[in-house]
Amino acid sequence: MYRVVMIRHGQSEWNKKNLFTGWTDVDLTEQGIEEAKDAGRILRESDYSFDAAFASVLQRSIKTLHYALDELGLLWIPEEKSWKLNERHYGALQGLSKPETTEKYGEEQVHLWRRSLSVRPPLLEPGDNRLPGEDPRYAGLAPEELPAGESLQDTIRRVGEFWDERVVPMVKDGQHILIAAHGNTIRALIKFMEDLEEHELLDLNIPTGVPLVYELDDDAKPIRRFYLGHPEHVEKKKRQAADPDHDPD
């Protein structure tokens, strides 16, 4: 049996302001830092160790990984950053207030944008400074790889490629892997690995700073997944993640 652990980054500055974030590179809040450290402490107290780690190219993911690894005494292990682990690109919604967007478009439409499989948010127009094309971290990508907005299905495609190409070979080699990523990245991975129905995705919410453990068989297929930590703490964080007014992406 193999094992991979995923952590959704701690609270970011735009999470706190209740803004759609997507690929916008915002920092962690003080609470987010503590959530990342807590995740590391939970892993250490549960006797978890890792051989390699992954993060997106967004600082809230990278810093969450580093705070967790610091608590584990594992800052020295190899780590890789990939844009394919970025949060889902929220297009023209990025930077907008969740309550104002809900008031304008309706709760049902916003819920579909956030949680459905195939519905894309409004796309960014050419010339919008929120497009990733001028960002040096994406300089090596082809224009068709750079999104102006993504559905969850779009996110699943790139995350699934990353899982198959980078993570699975290391898992099958016996390495223990830690991934610090984003709510929709992790939802996408769960969908990719377990082939959930769309109605199951609508109610799938990922709590911040709580280690999610996947146990895998010899083919790197999931046996089970579970959260680490005290049950009351885990349930509290899951309730927070399910609250659309306090858990923007």
C-alpha atoms as a PDB file:
ATOM      1  CA  MET A   1       0.000   0.000   0.000  1.00  0.00           C
ATOM      2  CA  TYR A   2       1.194   3.498  -0.901  1.00  0.00           C
ATOM      3  CA  ARG A   3       0.288   6.853   0.647  1.00  0.00           C
ATOM      4  CA  VAL A   4       0.050  10.465  -0.551  1.00  0.00           C
ATOM      5  CA  VAL A   5      -0.921  13.418   1.637  1.00  0.00           C
ATOM      6  CA  MET A   6      -2.506  16.637   0.362  1.00  0.00           C
ATOM      7  CA  ILE A   7      -2.955  19.953   2.178  1.00  0.00           C
ATOM      8  CA  ARG A   8      -5.127  22.795   1.025  1.00  0.00           C
ATOM      9  CA  HIS A   9      -3.229  26.026   1.739  1.00  0.00           C
ATOM     10  CA  GLY A  10      -4.125  28.057   4.815  1.00  0.00           C
ATOM     11  CA  GLN A  11      -6.343  31.128   4.731  1.00  0.00           C
ATOM     12  CA  SER A  12      -5.133  33.715   2.201  1.00  0.00           C
ATOM     13  CA  GLU A  13      -5.601  37.477   2.233  1.00  0.00           C
ATOM     14  CA  TRP A  14      -8.341  37.200  -0.375  1.00  0.00           C
ATOM     15  CA  ASN A  15     -10.004  34.290   1.432  1.00  0.00           C
ATOM     16  CA  LYS A  16     -10.307  36.638   4.396  1.00  0.00           C
ATOM     17  CA  LYS A  17     -11.786  39.396   2.191  1.00  0.00           C
ATOM     18  CA  ASN A  18     -14.175  36.896   0.554  1.00  0.00           C
ATOM     19  CA  LEU A  19     -12.857  37.531  -2.961  1.00  0.00           C
ATOM     20  CA  PHE A  20     -12.522  35.087  -5.857  1.00  0.00           C
ATOM     21  CA  THR A  21      -8.792  34.383  -6.089  1.00  0.00           C
ATOM     22  CA  GLY A  22      -7.928  31.838  -8.782  1.00  0.00           C
ATOM     23  CA  TRP A  23      -4.433  32.449 -10.169  1.00  0.00           C
ATOM     24  CA  THR A  24      -4.012  35.788  -8.374  1.00  0.00           C
ATOM     25  CA  ASP A  25      -0.867  35.424  -6.271  1.00  0.00           C
ATOM     26  CA  VAL A  26      -1.953  36.527  -2.797  1.00  0.00           C
ATOM     27  CA  ASP A  27      -0.195  35.796   0.475  1.00  0.00           C
ATOM     28  CA  LEU A  28      -1.280  33.879   3.562  1.00  0.00           C
ATOM     29  CA  THR A  29      -2.844  35.667   6.529  1.00  0.00           C
ATOM     30  CA  GLU A  30      -1.544  35.101  10.054  1.00  0.00           C
ATOM     31  CA  GLN A  31      -4.364  32.600  10.486  1.00  0.00           C
ATOM     32  CA  GLY A  32      -3.282  30.891   7.253  1.00  0.00           C
ATOM     33  CA  ILE A  33       0.283  30.589   8.538  1.00  0.00           C
ATOM     34  CA  GLU A  34      -0.960  28.972  11.748  1.00  0.00           C
ATOM     35  CA  GLU A  35      -3.155  26.578   9.751  1.00  0.00           C
ATOM     36  CA  ALA A  36      -0.130  25.512   7.703  1.00  0.00           C
ATOM     37  CA  LYS A  37       1.941  25.009  10.844  1.00  0.00           C
ATOM     38  CA  ASP A  38      -0.901  23.051  12.447  1.00  0.00           C
ATOM     39  CA  ALA A  39      -0.986  20.736   9.436  1.00  0.00           C
ATOM     40  CA  GLY A  40       2.725  20.070   9.871  1.00  0.00           C
ATOM     41  CA  ARG A  41       2.307  19.433  13.585  1.00  0.00           C
ATOM     42  CA  ILE A  42      -0.564  17.004  12.977  1.00  0.00           C
ATOM     43  CA  LEU A  43       1.559  15.104  10.473  1.00  0.00           C
ATOM     44  CA  ARG A  44       4.549  15.036  12.821  1.00  0.00           C
ATOM     45  CA  GLU A  45       2.457  13.845  15.778  1.00  0.00           C
ATOM     46  CA  SER A  46       0.983  11.137  13.553  1.00  0.00           C
ATOM     47  CA  ASP A  47       4.512   9.966  12.626  1.00  0.00           C
ATOM     48  CA  TYR A  48       4.262  10.882   8.949  1.00  0.00           C
ATOM     49  CA  SER A  49       7.410  11.520   6.949  1.00  0.00           C
ATOM     50  CA  PHE A  50       8.022  12.355   3.290  1.00  0.00           C
ATOM     51  CA  ASP A  51      10.634  11.868   0.590  1.00  0.00           C
ATOM     52  CA  ALA A  52       9.510  14.614  -1.797  1.00  0.00           C
ATOM     53  CA  ALA A  53       6.967  17.423  -1.984  1.00  0.00           C
ATOM     54  CA  PHE A  54       5.005  19.421  -4.561  1.00  0.00           C
ATOM     55  CA  ALA A  55       3.369  22.851  -4.619  1.00  0.00           C
ATOM     56  CA  SER A  56       1.818  25.147  -7.194  1.00  0.00           C
ATOM     57  CA  VAL A  57       3.680  28.263  -8.361  1.00  0.00           C
ATOM     58  CA  LEU A  58       1.462  30.482  -6.170  1.00  0.00           C
ATOM     59  CA  GLN A  59       2.946  31.713  -2.900  1.00  0.00           C
ATOM     60  CA  ARG A  60       0.046  30.647  -0.670  1.00  0.00           C
ATOM     61  CA  SER A  61       0.692  27.051  -1.727  1.00  0.00           C
ATOM     62  CA  ILE A  62       4.486  27.320  -1.542  1.00  0.00           C
ATOM     63  CA  LYS A  63       4.488  28.931   1.897  1.00  0.00           C
ATOM     64  CA  THR A  64       1.979  26.405   3.236  1.00  0.00           C
ATOM     65  CA  LEU A  65       4.302  23.632   2.086  1.00  0.00           C
ATOM     66  CA  HIS A  66       7.321  25.275   3.716  1.00  0.00           C
ATOM     67  CA  TYR A  67       5.601  25.924   7.048  1.00  0.00           C
ATOM     68  CA  ALA A  68       4.384  22.324   7.158  1.00  0.00           C
ATOM     69  CA  LEU A  69       7.796  20.918   6.207  1.00  0.00           C
ATOM     70  CA  ASP A  70       9.449  23.118   8.831  1.00  0.00           C
ATOM     71  CA  GLU A  71       7.225  21.612  11.524  1.00  0.00           C
ATOM     72  CA  LEU A  72       8.198  18.169  10.229  1.00  0.00           C
ATOM     73  CA  GLY A  73      11.920  18.995  10.127  1.00  0.00           C
ATOM     74  CA  LEU A  74      11.875  18.197   6.399  1.00  0.00           C
ATOM     75  CA  LEU A  75      12.709  21.477   4.703  1.00  0.00           C
ATOM     76  CA  TRP A  76      15.643  19.691   3.079  1.00  0.00           C
ATOM     77  CA  ILE A  77      13.651  17.179   1.012  1.00  0.00           C
ATOM     78  CA  PRO A  78      13.319  17.721  -2.777  1.00  0.00           C
ATOM     79  CA  GLU A  79      10.374  19.860  -3.809  1.00  0.00           C
ATOM     80  CA  GLU A  80       8.890  20.768  -7.171  1.00  0.00           C
ATOM     81  CA  LYS A  81       6.593  23.629  -8.119  1.00  0.00           C
ATOM     82  CA  SER A  82       4.194  23.297 -11.039  1.00  0.00           C
ATOM     83  CA  TRP A  83       1.575  25.584 -12.566  1.00  0.00           C
ATOM     84  CA  LYS A  84      -0.533  22.466 -13.124  1.00  0.00           C
ATOM     85  CA  LEU A  85      -1.221  22.473  -9.373  1.00  0.00           C
ATOM     86  CA  ASN A  86      -2.486  26.078  -9.456  1.00  0.00           C
ATOM     87  CA  GLU A  87      -5.959  26.886  -8.255  1.00  0.00           C
ATOM     88  CA  ARG A  88      -8.679  26.803 -10.899  1.00  0.00           C
ATOM     89  CA  HIS A  89      -8.491  29.992 -12.990  1.00  0.00           C
ATOM     90  CA  TYR A  90     -11.603  32.014 -12.165  1.00  0.00           C
ATOM     91  CA  GLY A  91     -11.402  34.279 -15.200  1.00  0.00           C
ATOM     92  CA  ALA A  92     -13.239  37.582 -14.909  1.00  0.00           C
ATOM     93  CA  LEU A  93     -14.484  36.672 -11.412  1.00  0.00           C
ATOM     94  CA  GLN A  94     -10.967  37.025  -9.980  1.00  0.00           C
ATOM     95  CA  GLY A  95     -10.818  39.888  -7.510  1.00  0.00           C
ATOM     96  CA  LEU A  96     -14.609  40.200  -7.257  1.00  0.00           C
ATOM     97  CA  SER A  97     -16.491  39.988  -3.979  1.00  0.00           C
ATOM     98  CA  LYS A  98     -18.426  36.772  -3.486  1.00  0.00           C
ATOM     99  CA  PRO A  99     -21.499  38.464  -1.930  1.00  0.00           C
ATOM    100  CA  GLU A 100     -21.619  41.138  -4.668  1.00  0.00           C
ATOM    101  CA  THR A 101     -21.272  38.491  -7.382  1.00  0.00           C
ATOM    102  CA  THR A 102     -24.059  36.452  -5.794  1.00  0.00           C
ATOM    103  CA  GLU A 103     -26.288  39.507  -5.624  1.00  0.00           C
ATOM    104  CA  LYS A 104     -25.633  40.295  -9.297  1.00  0.00           C
ATOM    105  CA  TYR A 105     -25.874  36.806 -10.832  1.00  0.00           C
ATOM    106  CA  GLY A 106     -27.838  34.831  -8.247  1.00  0.00           C
ATOM    107  CA  GLU A 107     -26.836  32.174  -5.747  1.00  0.00           C
ATOM    108  CA  GLU A 108     -27.539  29.272  -8.094  1.00  0.00           C
ATOM    109  CA  GLN A 109     -25.318  30.634 -10.882  1.00  0.00           C
ATOM    110  CA  VAL A 110     -22.437  31.371  -8.505  1.00  0.00           C
ATOM    111  CA  HIS A 111     -22.747  27.890  -6.991  1.00  0.00           C
ATOM    112  CA  LEU A 112     -22.508  26.410 -10.500  1.00  0.00           C
ATOM    113  CA  TRP A 113     -19.426  28.502 -11.267  1.00  0.00           C
ATOM    114  CA  ARG A 114     -17.796  27.346  -8.057  1.00  0.00           C
ATOM    115  CA  ARG A 115     -18.783  23.709  -7.812  1.00  0.00           C
ATOM    116  CA  SER A 116     -20.060  22.288 -11.118  1.00  0.00           C
ATOM    117  CA  LEU A 117     -17.949  20.187 -13.453  1.00  0.00           C
ATOM    118  CA  SER A 118     -18.301  21.856 -16.836  1.00  0.00           C
ATOM    119  CA  VAL A 119     -19.502  25.453 -16.319  1.00  0.00           C
ATOM    120  CA  ARG A 120     -16.779  28.052 -16.934  1.00  0.00           C
ATOM    121  CA  PRO A 121     -16.825  31.475 -15.264  1.00  0.00           C
ATOM    122  CA  PRO A 122     -16.923  34.589 -17.496  1.00  0.00           C
ATOM    123  CA  LEU A 123     -13.627  34.572 -19.405  1.00  0.00           C
ATOM    124  CA  LEU A 124     -11.042  37.359 -19.329  1.00  0.00           C
ATOM    125  CA  GLU A 125     -10.955  39.558 -22.419  1.00  0.00           C
ATOM    126  CA  PRO A 126      -7.725  40.028 -24.446  1.00  0.00           C
ATOM    127  CA  GLY A 127      -5.571  42.720 -22.897  1.00  0.00           C
ATOM    128  CA  ASP A 128      -6.856  42.162 -19.359  1.00  0.00           C
ATOM    129  CA  ASN A 129      -3.940  42.473 -16.939  1.00  0.00           C
ATOM    130  CA  ARG A 130      -5.241  39.424 -15.042  1.00  0.00           C
ATOM    131  CA  LEU A 131      -4.269  37.176 -17.954  1.00  0.00           C
ATOM    132  CA  PRO A 132      -1.207  35.066 -17.054  1.00  0.00           C
ATOM    133  CA  GLY A 133       0.674  35.612 -20.336  1.00  0.00           C
ATOM    134  CA  GLU A 134       3.014  38.354 -19.044  1.00  0.00           C
ATOM    135  CA  ASP A 135       3.895  36.569 -15.806  1.00  0.00           C
ATOM    136  CA  PRO A 136       7.460  35.174 -15.922  1.00  0.00           C
ATOM    137  CA  ARG A 137       6.487  32.000 -14.085  1.00  0.00           C
ATOM    138  CA  TYR A 138       4.451  30.976 -17.169  1.00  0.00           C
ATOM    139  CA  ALA A 139       7.004  32.135 -19.763  1.00  0.00           C
ATOM    140  CA  GLY A 140       7.695  28.624 -21.053  1.00  0.00           C
ATOM    141  CA  LEU A 141       4.065  27.751 -21.763  1.00  0.00           C
ATOM    142  CA  ALA A 142       2.370  27.758 -25.151  1.00  0.00           C
ATOM    143  CA  PRO A 143      -0.423  30.342 -25.584  1.00  0.00           C
ATOM    144  CA  GLU A 144      -3.067  27.600 -25.719  1.00  0.00           C
ATOM    145  CA  GLU A 145      -1.956  26.378 -22.278  1.00  0.00           C
ATOM    146  CA  LEU A 146      -2.706  29.741 -20.648  1.00  0.00           C
ATOM    147  CA  PRO A 147      -6.339  29.978 -19.565  1.00  0.00           C
ATOM    148  CA  ALA A 148      -8.617  33.006 -19.567  1.00  0.00           C
ATOM    149  CA  GLY A 149     -10.851  31.059 -17.194  1.00  0.00           C
ATOM    150  CA  GLU A 150     -11.425  27.388 -16.382  1.00  0.00           C
ATOM    151  CA  SER A 151     -14.193  24.961 -15.546  1.00  0.00           C
ATOM    152  CA  LEU A 152     -13.414  22.285 -13.012  1.00  0.00           C
ATOM    153  CA  GLN A 153     -13.162  19.854 -15.944  1.00  0.00           C
ATOM    154  CA  ASP A 154     -10.369  22.009 -17.411  1.00  0.00           C
ATOM    155  CA  THR A 155      -8.601  21.893 -14.056  1.00  0.00           C
ATOM    156  CA  ILE A 156      -9.048  18.120 -13.813  1.00  0.00           C
ATOM    157  CA  ARG A 157      -7.356  17.704 -17.194  1.00  0.00           C
ATOM    158  CA  ARG A 158      -4.125  19.468 -16.189  1.00  0.00           C
ATOM    159  CA  VAL A 159      -4.064  18.117 -12.637  1.00  0.00           C
ATOM    160  CA  GLY A 160      -4.663  14.587 -13.916  1.00  0.00           C
ATOM    161  CA  GLU A 161      -1.756  14.921 -16.328  1.00  0.00           C
ATOM    162  CA  PHE A 162       0.465  16.075 -13.477  1.00  0.00           C
ATOM    163  CA  TRP A 163      -0.636  13.188 -11.259  1.00  0.00           C
ATOM    164  CA  ASP A 164       0.039  10.556 -13.917  1.00  0.00           C
ATOM    165  CA  GLU A 165       3.311  12.045 -15.165  1.00  0.00           C
ATOM    166  CA  ARG A 166       4.968  13.215 -11.946  1.00  0.00           C
ATOM    167  CA  VAL A 167       3.347  11.713  -8.856  1.00  0.00           C
ATOM    168  CA  VAL A 168       2.431   8.149  -9.835  1.00  0.00           C
ATOM    169  CA  PRO A 169       5.976   7.114 -10.900  1.00  0.00           C
ATOM    170  CA  MET A 170       7.370   8.387  -7.584  1.00  0.00           C
ATOM    171  CA  VAL A 171       4.636   6.652  -5.585  1.00  0.00           C
ATOM    172  CA  LYS A 172       5.284   3.364  -7.375  1.00  0.00           C
ATOM    173  CA  ASP A 173       8.962   3.842  -6.591  1.00  0.00           C
ATOM    174  CA  GLY A 174       8.032   3.751  -2.903  1.00  0.00           C
ATOM    175  CA  GLN A 175       8.371   7.460  -2.159  1.00  0.00           C
ATOM    176  CA  HIS A 176       6.097   9.202   0.335  1.00  0.00           C
ATOM    177  CA  ILE A 177       4.690  12.387  -1.229  1.00  0.00           C
ATOM    178  CA  LEU A 178       3.288  15.606   0.264  1.00  0.00           C
ATOM    179  CA  ILE A 179       1.299  18.004  -1.947  1.00  0.00           C
ATOM    180  CA  ALA A 180       0.348  21.531  -0.851  1.00  0.00           C
ATOM    181  CA  ALA A 181      -2.212  22.917  -3.252  1.00  0.00           C
ATOM    182  CA  HIS A 182      -5.637  24.574  -3.497  1.00  0.00           C
ATOM    183  CA  GLY A 183      -9.268  23.740  -2.881  1.00  0.00           C
ATOM    184  CA  ASN A 184     -10.150  23.131  -6.510  1.00  0.00           C
ATOM    185  CA  THR A 185      -6.838  21.453  -7.298  1.00  0.00           C
ATOM    186  CA  ILE A 186      -7.555  18.883  -4.620  1.00  0.00           C
ATOM    187  CA  ARG A 187     -11.202  18.555  -5.684  1.00  0.00           C
ATOM    188  CA  ALA A 188      -9.934  17.965  -9.223  1.00  0.00           C
ATOM    189  CA  LEU A 189      -7.548  15.265  -8.042  1.00  0.00           C
ATOM    190  CA  ILE A 190     -10.316  13.552  -6.081  1.00  0.00           C
ATOM    191  CA  LYS A 191     -12.566  13.614  -9.147  1.00  0.00           C
ATOM    192  CA  PHE A 192      -9.734  12.323 -11.343  1.00  0.00           C
ATOM    193  CA  MET A 193      -8.823   9.459  -9.012  1.00  0.00           C
ATOM    194  CA  GLU A 194     -12.294   8.415  -7.888  1.00  0.00           C
ATOM    195  CA  ASP A 195     -14.397   9.398 -10.918  1.00  0.00           C
ATOM    196  CA  LEU A 196     -17.064  11.014  -8.748  1.00  0.00           C
ATOM    197  CA  GLU A 197     -20.455  11.898 -10.179  1.00  0.00           C
ATOM    198  CA  GLU A 198     -21.113  15.601 -10.748  1.00  0.00           C
ATOM    199  CA  HIS A 199     -23.713  15.767  -7.967  1.00  0.00           C
ATOM    200  CA  GLU A 200     -21.075  14.460  -5.553  1.00  0.00           C
ATOM    201  CA  LEU A 201     -18.698  17.246  -6.604  1.00  0.00           C
ATOM    202  CA  LEU A 202     -21.264  19.937  -5.820  1.00  0.00           C
ATOM    203  CA  ASP A 203     -21.025  19.091  -2.123  1.00  0.00           C
ATOM    204  CA  LEU A 204     -17.304  18.305  -2.004  1.00  0.00           C
ATOM    205  CA  ASN A 205     -15.511  21.001  -0.002  1.00  0.00           C
ATOM    206  CA  ILE A 206     -11.861  20.879   1.086  1.00  0.00           C
ATOM    207  CA  PRO A 207     -10.955  22.395   4.491  1.00  0.00           C
ATOM    208  CA  THR A 208      -7.878  24.600   4.810  1.00  0.00           C
ATOM    209  CA  GLY A 209      -4.834  23.296   6.653  1.00  0.00           C
ATOM    210  CA  VAL A 210      -6.160  19.780   7.335  1.00  0.00           C
ATOM    211  CA  PRO A 211      -4.020  16.913   5.968  1.00  0.00           C
ATOM    212  CA  LEU A 212      -5.957  14.685   3.566  1.00  0.00           C
ATOM    213  CA  VAL A 213      -4.467  11.187   3.344  1.00  0.00           C
ATOM    214  CA  TYR A 214      -4.878   8.900   0.340  1.00  0.00           C
ATOM    215  CA  GLU A 215      -4.019   5.232   0.654  1.00  0.00           C
ATOM    216  CA  LEU A 216      -3.289   3.703  -2.757  1.00  0.00           C
ATOM    217  CA  ASP A 217      -2.953   0.194  -4.126  1.00  0.00           C
ATOM    218  CA  ASP A 218      -0.074  -1.164  -6.222  1.00  0.00           C
ATOM    219  CA  ASP A 219      -1.466   0.583  -9.316  1.00  0.00           C
ATOM    220  CA  ALA A 220      -1.686   3.903  -7.428  1.00  0.00           C
ATOM    221  CA  LYS A 221      -5.484   3.650  -7.381  1.00  0.00           C
ATOM    222  CA  PRO A 222      -7.276   4.914  -4.269  1.00  0.00           C
ATOM    223  CA  ILE A 223      -8.205   2.494  -1.503  1.00  0.00           C
ATOM    224  CA  ARG A 224      -9.511   5.159   0.865  1.00  0.00           C
ATOM    225  CA  ARG A 225      -9.100   8.803   1.867  1.00  0.00           C
ATOM    226  CA  PHE A 226      -9.402  10.409   5.288  1.00  0.00           C
ATOM    227  CA  TYR A 227      -8.477  13.573   7.162  1.00  0.00           C
ATOM    228  CA  LEU A 228      -5.900  13.596   9.938  1.00  0.00           C
ATOM    229  CA  GLY A 229      -6.483  15.398  13.223  1.00  0.00           C
ATOM    230  CA  HIS A 230      -8.862  15.502  16.166  1.00  0.00           C
ATOM    231  CA  PRO A 231     -12.384  14.656  14.919  1.00  0.00           C
ATOM    232  CA  GLU A 232     -13.940  17.812  16.402  1.00  0.00           C
ATOM    233  CA  HIS A 233     -11.305  20.005  14.746  1.00  0.00           C
ATOM    234  CA  VAL A 234     -11.748  18.251  11.399  1.00  0.00           C
ATOM    235  CA  GLU A 235     -15.544  18.597  11.528  1.00  0.00           C
ATOM    236  CA  LYS A 236     -15.288  22.294  12.398  1.00  0.00           C
ATOM    237  CA  LYS A 237     -12.953  22.920   9.439  1.00  0.00           C
ATOM    238  CA  LYS A 238     -15.219  20.948   7.096  1.00  0.00           C
ATOM    239  CA  ARG A 239     -18.216  23.061   8.153  1.00  0.00           C
ATOM    240  CA  GLN A 240     -16.229  26.217   7.454  1.00  0.00           C
ATOM    241  CA  ALA A 241     -15.268  24.913   4.013  1.00  0.00           C
ATOM    242  CA  ALA A 242     -18.926  24.238   3.230  1.00  0.00           C
ATOM    243  CA  ASP A 243     -19.943  27.827   4.051  1.00  0.00           C
ATOM    244  CA  PRO A 244     -19.903  29.764   0.728  1.00  0.00           C
ATOM    245  CA  ASP A 245     -19.747  33.105   2.549  1.00  0.00           C
ATOM    246  CA  HIS A 246     -16.540  32.204   4.389  1.00  0.00           C
ATOM    247  CA  ASP A 247     -14.628  29.982   1.995  1.00  0.00           C
ATOM    248  CA  PRO A 248     -13.975  31.573  -1.421  1.00  0.00           C
ATOM    249  CA  ASP A 249     -11.610  29.825  -3.856  1.00  0.00           C
END
